[in-house]
Amino acid sequence: LESASLLYATTDSGRAPFTTTDPDQIVDSFDSTVLKTAKYIAQAELTDGSMHASEILVTNNGTTVYITEYAKLNGGTDLVTYSADFNGTLVELYATPVNVNTTITFARTAVKKV
């Protein structure tokens, strides 16, 4: 059993403000030649304080990107829909906000490709 250090993992965080409800706006991306799987804790928030928090798991096998959203918390209405796909060798996490002026803040933990 190998040490549980960050030899095989990375962490990152960021904030993505969206002023439109255009589909598939980029929240974050990672290089699929370096990272295999990423777990996001994402929080979408409106200026009125409405929130939508969830965990998102994204993985790829080099040809297909897989995504699932779980542990979703909100005030009864989803503020955003997430999806993911390749853009060259990048895996991109997309958001489609329901409302204008939605800000998504995220923390990402990822497993390196071995």
Protein backbone atom coordinates (compact mmCIF):
# COMPACT_ATOMS: atom_id res chain seq x y z
CA LEU A 1 0.00 0.00 0.00
CA GLU A 2 1.43 3.36 -1.03
CA SER A 3 1.43 6.50 1.04
CA ALA A 4 -1.73 8.64 1.00
CA SER A 5 0.15 11.79 0.00
CA LEU A 6 -0.69 14.03 -2.92
CA LEU A 7 1.54 12.02 -5.26
CA TYR A 8 -1.55 10.85 -7.12
CA ALA A 9 -3.92 13.75 -6.46
CA THR A 10 -4.28 17.50 -7.01
CA THR A 11 -6.51 20.20 -5.56
CA ASP A 12 -7.77 23.45 -7.05
CA SER A 13 -10.58 25.96 -6.60
CA GLY A 14 -12.16 28.81 -8.51
CA ARG A 15 -15.10 31.07 -9.16
CA ALA A 16 -17.04 31.48 -12.40
CA PRO A 17 -19.53 34.36 -12.75
CA PHE A 18 -22.13 33.94 -15.51
CA THR A 19 -24.14 36.90 -16.82
CA THR A 20 -26.28 34.92 -19.28
CA THR A 21 -28.27 31.69 -19.36
CA ASP A 22 -26.38 30.44 -22.42
CA PRO A 23 -25.93 26.65 -22.40
CA ASP A 24 -22.63 24.89 -21.68
CA GLN A 25 -20.59 27.74 -20.20
CA ILE A 26 -17.19 26.62 -18.90
CA VAL A 27 -16.85 26.34 -15.12
CA ASP A 28 -13.49 24.53 -15.07
CA SER A 29 -11.27 22.28 -17.16
CA PHE A 30 -8.46 19.81 -16.64
CA ASP A 31 -5.97 18.03 -18.87
CA SER A 32 -7.10 14.45 -19.45
CA THR A 33 -3.51 13.39 -20.17
CA VAL A 34 -2.63 14.34 -16.57
CA LEU A 35 -5.83 13.81 -14.56
CA LYS A 36 -8.30 10.92 -14.76
CA THR A 37 -11.09 11.73 -12.29
CA ALA A 38 -12.22 14.95 -10.59
CA LYS A 39 -14.62 15.53 -7.72
CA TYR A 40 -16.15 18.98 -7.42
CA ILE A 41 -17.97 20.63 -4.56
CA ALA A 42 -19.89 23.33 -6.41
CA GLN A 43 -22.05 26.15 -5.14
CA ALA A 44 -24.25 28.19 -7.48
CA GLU A 45 -25.55 31.42 -5.97
CA LEU A 46 -27.75 34.31 -7.04
CA THR A 47 -27.51 37.88 -5.76
CA ASP A 48 -30.75 37.35 -3.79
CA GLY A 49 -29.02 34.61 -1.75
CA SER A 50 -30.62 31.62 -3.49
CA MET A 51 -28.20 28.67 -3.53
CA HIS A 52 -27.72 25.31 -5.19
CA ALA A 53 -24.90 23.19 -3.79
CA SER A 54 -23.84 19.77 -5.01
CA GLU A 55 -21.04 17.32 -5.53
CA ILE A 56 -20.10 16.43 -9.09
CA LEU A 57 -17.93 13.51 -10.14
CA VAL A 58 -16.30 13.60 -13.60
CA THR A 59 -14.11 10.89 -15.09
CA ASN A 60 -12.87 9.91 -18.54
CA ASN A 61 -11.40 6.93 -20.33
CA GLY A 62 -9.63 8.95 -23.01
CA THR A 63 -12.56 8.82 -25.43
CA THR A 64 -15.67 9.42 -23.31
CA VAL A 65 -16.39 11.77 -20.39
CA TYR A 66 -18.74 10.54 -17.66
CA ILE A 67 -20.46 12.83 -15.13
CA THR A 68 -22.81 12.47 -12.20
CA GLU A 69 -24.22 15.11 -9.85
CA TYR A 70 -25.22 13.98 -6.37
CA ALA A 71 -25.68 15.25 -2.80
CA LYS A 72 -27.66 18.14 -4.29
CA LEU A 73 -29.05 20.79 -1.92
CA ASN A 74 -31.19 23.74 -2.96
CA GLY A 75 -34.28 25.66 -1.96
CA GLY A 76 -36.50 23.44 -4.13
CA THR A 77 -35.35 24.74 -7.52
CA ASP A 78 -32.21 23.85 -9.44
CA LEU A 79 -30.23 26.97 -10.33
CA VAL A 80 -27.90 25.23 -12.77
CA THR A 81 -27.51 22.09 -14.87
CA TYR A 82 -24.02 20.58 -15.19
CA SER A 83 -22.49 18.61 -18.06
CA ALA A 84 -18.98 17.72 -19.23
CA ASP A 85 -17.19 16.84 -22.45
CA PHE A 86 -13.83 16.87 -24.20
CA ASN A 87 -12.33 19.90 -25.90
CA GLY A 88 -9.20 18.40 -27.41
CA THR A 89 -7.39 16.78 -24.48
CA LEU A 90 -9.17 19.01 -21.95
CA VAL A 91 -12.12 17.74 -19.96
CA GLU A 92 -14.43 20.71 -19.48
CA LEU A 93 -17.10 21.05 -16.80
CA TYR A 94 -20.02 23.09 -18.16
CA ALA A 95 -22.89 24.89 -16.49
CA THR A 96 -26.19 26.04 -17.92
CA PRO A 97 -27.58 28.59 -15.43
CA VAL A 98 -31.34 29.01 -15.08
CA ASN A 99 -30.94 32.70 -14.13
CA VAL A 100 -28.66 35.52 -15.24
CA ASN A 101 -25.99 36.68 -12.78
CA THR A 102 -25.32 33.23 -11.35
CA THR A 103 -21.94 32.72 -9.70
CA ILE A 104 -20.49 29.25 -9.29
CA THR A 105 -17.74 28.71 -6.73
CA PHE A 106 -16.02 25.31 -6.69
CA ALA A 107 -13.36 23.21 -5.04
CA ARG A 108 -11.85 20.38 -7.09
CA THR A 109 -9.96 17.33 -5.95
CA ALA A 110 -8.58 15.19 -8.76
CA VAL A 111 -6.84 11.84 -9.19
CA LYS A 112 -3.84 11.83 -11.51
CA LYS A 113 -3.69 9.46 -14.45
CA VAL A 114 -1.31 6.61 -13.63
